[in-house]
Amino acid sequence: MPFHRFMDMDRDREKQAVEAKLAKCRELAQEFRDGPIAQMIRDMEAELRQQVRDLEK
């Protein structure tokens, strides 16, 4: 198997891990809608969305 395919598999696994974290953030956002914890969750969600976009390049 060529080396670049290993890199693609690593990237796919990393993307899946980030997407799982993103799903958890969205779940927590349903519980914490206001206040500092809600803001922290929104910030984390934005960072995770950017990571997903970066991994799709």
Protein backbone atom coordinates (compact mmCIF):
# COMPACT_ATOMS: atom_id res chain seq x y z
CA MET A 1 0.00 0.00 0.00
CA PRO A 2 1.50 3.37 -0.97
CA PHE A 3 2.51 5.71 1.84
CA HIS A 4 0.00 8.43 0.90
CA ARG A 5 -2.85 5.97 1.51
CA PHE A 6 -1.64 5.53 5.09
CA MET A 7 -1.65 9.29 5.49
CA ASP A 8 -5.21 9.44 4.10
CA MET A 9 -6.34 6.77 6.58
CA ASP A 10 -4.75 8.72 9.45
CA ARG A 11 -6.48 11.87 8.27
CA ASP A 12 -9.81 10.03 8.03
CA ARG A 13 -9.40 8.68 11.58
CA GLU A 14 -8.46 12.11 12.87
CA LYS A 15 -11.47 13.66 11.10
CA GLN A 16 -13.77 11.04 12.62
CA ALA A 17 -12.38 11.79 16.08
CA VAL A 18 -12.90 15.54 15.61
CA GLU A 19 -16.43 14.95 14.30
CA ALA A 20 -17.21 12.85 17.39
CA LYS A 21 -16.03 15.72 19.61
CA LEU A 22 -18.13 18.11 17.55
CA ALA A 23 -21.20 15.92 18.04
CA LYS A 24 -20.58 15.91 21.80
CA CYS A 25 -20.29 19.72 21.79
CA ARG A 26 -23.61 19.96 20.00
CA GLU A 27 -25.16 17.61 22.53
CA LEU A 28 -23.81 19.70 25.42
CA ALA A 29 -25.01 22.89 23.74
CA GLN A 30 -28.55 21.57 24.12
CA GLU A 31 -28.04 21.31 27.88
CA PHE A 32 -26.13 24.57 28.37
CA ARG A 33 -27.84 27.28 26.37
CA ASP A 34 -26.75 30.33 28.38
CA GLY A 35 -23.85 31.57 30.44
CA PRO A 36 -20.10 31.09 30.39
CA ILE A 37 -20.24 27.32 29.87
CA ALA A 38 -22.47 27.80 26.82
CA GLN A 39 -20.00 30.33 25.41
CA MET A 40 -17.09 27.97 26.00
CA ILE A 41 -18.99 25.19 24.21
CA ARG A 42 -19.72 27.50 21.24
CA ASP A 43 -16.05 28.46 21.07
CA MET A 44 -14.98 24.81 21.15
CA GLU A 45 -17.54 23.97 18.47
CA ALA A 46 -16.18 26.71 16.20
CA GLU A 47 -12.62 25.43 16.67
CA LEU A 48 -13.68 21.86 15.93
CA ARG A 49 -15.58 22.93 12.80
CA GLN A 50 -12.39 24.65 11.60
CA GLN A 51 -10.38 21.50 12.28
CA VAL A 52 -12.85 19.47 10.19
CA ARG A 53 -12.56 21.99 7.34
CA ASP A 54 -8.78 21.85 7.54
CA LEU A 55 -8.80 18.05 7.42
CA GLU A 56 -11.03 18.11 4.33
CA LYS A 57 -8.42 20.03 2.32
